[in-house]
Amino acid sequence: MITGLDHIQLAAPPGTEDALRAFYADLLGMTEVRKPVALAARGGCWFEAGTARLHLGIEPDFRPARKAHPGFRVHDIEALATRLTTAGTPVTWDTTLPNHRRFHSVDPVGNRLEFLEPQECD
């Protein structure tokens, strides 16, 4: 039986690891995790923050995920939206999920990302 979610994997084109590190580690504040030696030769990079674990794997025939996406729970969503827009990354707010503030954005290779923060119910 399933007991939890271990990680999410997104794809990226060859040679984009530095851009991914700048985005996920420097901009979003995730920590890069060293890949096991047996997997490191494949390229890509792994990140984590809190309970979120993201693996970015290299795919030679890469196409960004435009609908499928990870949803990251965040604290202080306004500050994150400002940080992303200041860095030139688009943010599209969505008000359709009750009791949450959320927006969608993209990583440097075009993968869709969702960021959401639960709101207190009145």
C-alpha atoms as a PDB file:
ATOM      1  CA  MET A   1       0.000   0.000   0.000  1.00  0.00           C
ATOM      2  CA  ILE A   2       1.100   3.555  -0.679  1.00  0.00           C
ATOM      3  CA  THR A   3       2.363   5.347   2.413  1.00  0.00           C
ATOM      4  CA  GLY A   4       3.493   8.659   0.944  1.00  0.00           C
ATOM      5  CA  LEU A   5       5.053  10.448  -1.971  1.00  0.00           C
ATOM      6  CA  ASP A   6       8.803  10.072  -2.314  1.00  0.00           C
ATOM      7  CA  HIS A   7       9.511  12.632  -5.054  1.00  0.00           C
ATOM      8  CA  ILE A   8       8.300  14.329  -8.217  1.00  0.00           C
ATOM      9  CA  GLN A   9      10.364  14.097 -11.387  1.00  0.00           C
ATOM     10  CA  LEU A  10      10.379  16.650 -14.170  1.00  0.00           C
ATOM     11  CA  ALA A  11      12.411  16.491 -17.342  1.00  0.00           C
ATOM     12  CA  ALA A  12      14.891  19.028 -18.684  1.00  0.00           C
ATOM     13  CA  PRO A  13      17.000  19.301 -21.836  1.00  0.00           C
ATOM     14  CA  PRO A  14      20.696  18.405 -21.819  1.00  0.00           C
ATOM     15  CA  GLY A  15      23.048  21.096 -20.547  1.00  0.00           C
ATOM     16  CA  THR A  16      20.518  23.035 -18.438  1.00  0.00           C
ATOM     17  CA  GLU A  17      21.683  21.995 -14.971  1.00  0.00           C
ATOM     18  CA  ASP A  18      23.239  25.396 -14.165  1.00  0.00           C
ATOM     19  CA  ALA A  19      20.008  27.228 -15.060  1.00  0.00           C
ATOM     20  CA  LEU A  20      18.011  24.735 -12.994  1.00  0.00           C
ATOM     21  CA  ARG A  21      20.340  25.225 -10.010  1.00  0.00           C
ATOM     22  CA  ALA A  22      20.034  29.002 -10.281  1.00  0.00           C
ATOM     23  CA  PHE A  23      16.244  28.716 -10.297  1.00  0.00           C
ATOM     24  CA  TYR A  24      15.505  25.961  -7.791  1.00  0.00           C
ATOM     25  CA  ALA A  25      18.368  26.571  -5.348  1.00  0.00           C
ATOM     26  CA  ASP A  26      19.187  30.264  -5.653  1.00  0.00           C
ATOM     27  CA  LEU A  27      15.740  31.698  -6.473  1.00  0.00           C
ATOM     28  CA  LEU A  28      13.409  29.241  -4.713  1.00  0.00           C
ATOM     29  CA  GLY A  29      15.774  28.382  -1.851  1.00  0.00           C
ATOM     30  CA  MET A  30      15.666  24.611  -2.281  1.00  0.00           C
ATOM     31  CA  THR A  31      18.717  22.577  -1.295  1.00  0.00           C
ATOM     32  CA  GLU A  32      20.491  20.579  -3.969  1.00  0.00           C
ATOM     33  CA  VAL A  33      20.937  16.938  -2.983  1.00  0.00           C
ATOM     34  CA  ARG A  34      23.840  14.934  -4.367  1.00  0.00           C
ATOM     35  CA  LYS A  35      22.638  12.226  -6.735  1.00  0.00           C
ATOM     36  CA  PRO A  36      23.872   8.681  -6.110  1.00  0.00           C
ATOM     37  CA  VAL A  37      27.084   7.962  -8.051  1.00  0.00           C
ATOM     38  CA  ALA A  38      25.331   5.374 -10.240  1.00  0.00           C
ATOM     39  CA  LEU A  39      22.784   8.016 -11.354  1.00  0.00           C
ATOM     40  CA  ALA A  40      24.979  11.126 -11.512  1.00  0.00           C
ATOM     41  CA  ALA A  41      26.402  10.228 -14.933  1.00  0.00           C
ATOM     42  CA  ARG A  42      22.911  10.668 -16.418  1.00  0.00           C
ATOM     43  CA  GLY A  43      22.982  14.390 -15.653  1.00  0.00           C
ATOM     44  CA  GLY A  44      20.165  16.336 -14.064  1.00  0.00           C
ATOM     45  CA  CYS A  45      19.895  17.452 -10.466  1.00  0.00           C
ATOM     46  CA  TRP A  46      17.850  16.800  -7.342  1.00  0.00           C
ATOM     47  CA  PHE A  47      16.464  19.341  -4.863  1.00  0.00           C
ATOM     48  CA  GLU A  48      14.512  19.337  -1.631  1.00  0.00           C
ATOM     49  CA  ALA A  49      12.837  21.742   0.773  1.00  0.00           C
ATOM     50  CA  GLY A  50      10.825  20.577   3.753  1.00  0.00           C
ATOM     51  CA  THR A  51       9.060  17.388   2.652  1.00  0.00           C
ATOM     52  CA  ALA A  52       9.179  18.345  -1.053  1.00  0.00           C
ATOM     53  CA  ARG A  53      11.676  16.413  -3.157  1.00  0.00           C
ATOM     54  CA  LEU A  54      12.134  17.234  -6.836  1.00  0.00           C
ATOM     55  CA  HIS A  55      14.247  15.291  -9.325  1.00  0.00           C
ATOM     56  CA  LEU A  56      15.085  16.891 -12.659  1.00  0.00           C
ATOM     57  CA  GLY A  57      16.150  14.295 -15.187  1.00  0.00           C
ATOM     58  CA  ILE A  58      17.777  14.940 -18.533  1.00  0.00           C
ATOM     59  CA  GLU A  59      15.709  13.992 -21.558  1.00  0.00           C
ATOM     60  CA  PRO A  60      17.321  14.402 -25.011  1.00  0.00           C
ATOM     61  CA  ASP A  61      13.935  14.802 -26.757  1.00  0.00           C
ATOM     62  CA  PHE A  62      12.679  17.208 -24.065  1.00  0.00           C
ATOM     63  CA  ARG A  63       9.251  18.833 -24.141  1.00  0.00           C
ATOM     64  CA  PRO A  64       8.201  20.886 -21.089  1.00  0.00           C
ATOM     65  CA  ALA A  65       5.273  19.783 -18.953  1.00  0.00           C
ATOM     66  CA  ARG A  66       2.645  22.431 -19.684  1.00  0.00           C
ATOM     67  CA  LYS A  67      -0.335  20.900 -17.851  1.00  0.00           C
ATOM     68  CA  ALA A  68       1.103  18.307 -15.462  1.00  0.00           C
ATOM     69  CA  HIS A  69       2.968  20.016 -12.624  1.00  0.00           C
ATOM     70  CA  PRO A  70       4.157  19.756  -9.039  1.00  0.00           C
ATOM     71  CA  GLY A  71       2.237  21.817  -6.508  1.00  0.00           C
ATOM     72  CA  PHE A  72       4.521  23.325  -3.874  1.00  0.00           C
ATOM     73  CA  ARG A  73       3.073  24.454  -0.535  1.00  0.00           C
ATOM     74  CA  VAL A  74       4.675  27.700   0.491  1.00  0.00           C
ATOM     75  CA  HIS A  75       4.733  30.226   3.291  1.00  0.00           C
ATOM     76  CA  ASP A  76       4.423  33.941   2.402  1.00  0.00           C
ATOM     77  CA  ILE A  77       3.202  33.438  -1.138  1.00  0.00           C
ATOM     78  CA  GLU A  78       3.207  37.197  -1.832  1.00  0.00           C
ATOM     79  CA  ALA A  79       6.944  37.417  -1.148  1.00  0.00           C
ATOM     80  CA  LEU A  80       7.598  34.434  -3.405  1.00  0.00           C
ATOM     81  CA  ALA A  81       5.517  35.932  -6.231  1.00  0.00           C
ATOM     82  CA  THR A  82       7.443  39.197  -5.912  1.00  0.00           C
ATOM     83  CA  ARG A  83      10.761  37.355  -5.882  1.00  0.00           C
ATOM     84  CA  LEU A  84       9.866  35.452  -9.062  1.00  0.00           C
ATOM     85  CA  THR A  85       8.526  38.458 -10.976  1.00  0.00           C
ATOM     86  CA  THR A  86      11.547  40.552  -9.966  1.00  0.00           C
ATOM     87  CA  ALA A  87      13.737  37.803 -11.443  1.00  0.00           C
ATOM     88  CA  GLY A  88      11.731  37.942 -14.685  1.00  0.00           C
ATOM     89  CA  THR A  89       9.758  34.742 -14.125  1.00  0.00           C
ATOM     90  CA  PRO A  90       6.049  35.033 -14.977  1.00  0.00           C
ATOM     91  CA  VAL A  91       3.425  34.542 -12.261  1.00  0.00           C
ATOM     92  CA  THR A  92      -0.241  33.872 -13.055  1.00  0.00           C
ATOM     93  CA  TRP A  93      -2.568  34.083 -10.068  1.00  0.00           C
ATOM     94  CA  ASP A  94      -5.518  31.672  -9.846  1.00  0.00           C
ATOM     95  CA  THR A  95      -8.388  32.241  -7.407  1.00  0.00           C
ATOM     96  CA  THR A  96     -10.429  29.123  -8.214  1.00  0.00           C
ATOM     97  CA  LEU A  97      -9.205  26.860  -5.384  1.00  0.00           C
ATOM     98  CA  PRO A  98     -11.202  27.553  -2.199  1.00  0.00           C
ATOM     99  CA  ASN A  99      -9.278  28.454   0.949  1.00  0.00           C
ATOM    100  CA  HIS A 100      -5.960  28.842  -0.875  1.00  0.00           C
ATOM    101  CA  ARG A 101      -3.910  31.559  -2.486  1.00  0.00           C
ATOM    102  CA  ARG A 102      -2.075  30.175  -5.462  1.00  0.00           C
ATOM    103  CA  PHE A 103      -0.287  30.980  -8.682  1.00  0.00           C
ATOM    104  CA  HIS A 104       1.326  29.151 -11.556  1.00  0.00           C
ATOM    105  CA  SER A 105       4.717  29.840 -13.036  1.00  0.00           C
ATOM    106  CA  VAL A 106       7.375  28.062 -15.107  1.00  0.00           C
ATOM    107  CA  ASP A 107      10.931  26.956 -14.495  1.00  0.00           C
ATOM    108  CA  PRO A 108      13.795  27.986 -16.831  1.00  0.00           C
ATOM    109  CA  VAL A 109      13.024  25.153 -19.270  1.00  0.00           C
ATOM    110  CA  GLY A 110       9.276  25.783 -19.422  1.00  0.00           C
ATOM    111  CA  ASN A 111       7.909  23.201 -16.961  1.00  0.00           C
ATOM    112  CA  ARG A 112       4.688  24.374 -15.280  1.00  0.00           C
ATOM    113  CA  LEU A 113       4.837  24.849 -11.498  1.00  0.00           C
ATOM    114  CA  GLU A 114       2.110  25.597  -8.951  1.00  0.00           C
ATOM    115  CA  PHE A 115       2.706  27.396  -5.658  1.00  0.00           C
ATOM    116  CA  LEU A 116      -0.055  27.462  -3.064  1.00  0.00           C
ATOM    117  CA  GLU A 117      -0.629  28.616   0.474  1.00  0.00           C
ATOM    118  CA  PRO A 118      -3.648  27.468   2.506  1.00  0.00           C
ATOM    119  CA  GLN A 119      -5.744  30.295   3.968  1.00  0.00           C
ATOM    120  CA  GLU A 120      -7.613  30.363   7.235  1.00  0.00           C
ATOM    121  CA  CYS A 121     -11.357  29.796   6.826  1.00  0.00           C
ATOM    122  CA  ASP A 122     -13.581  32.509   8.252  1.00  0.00           C
END
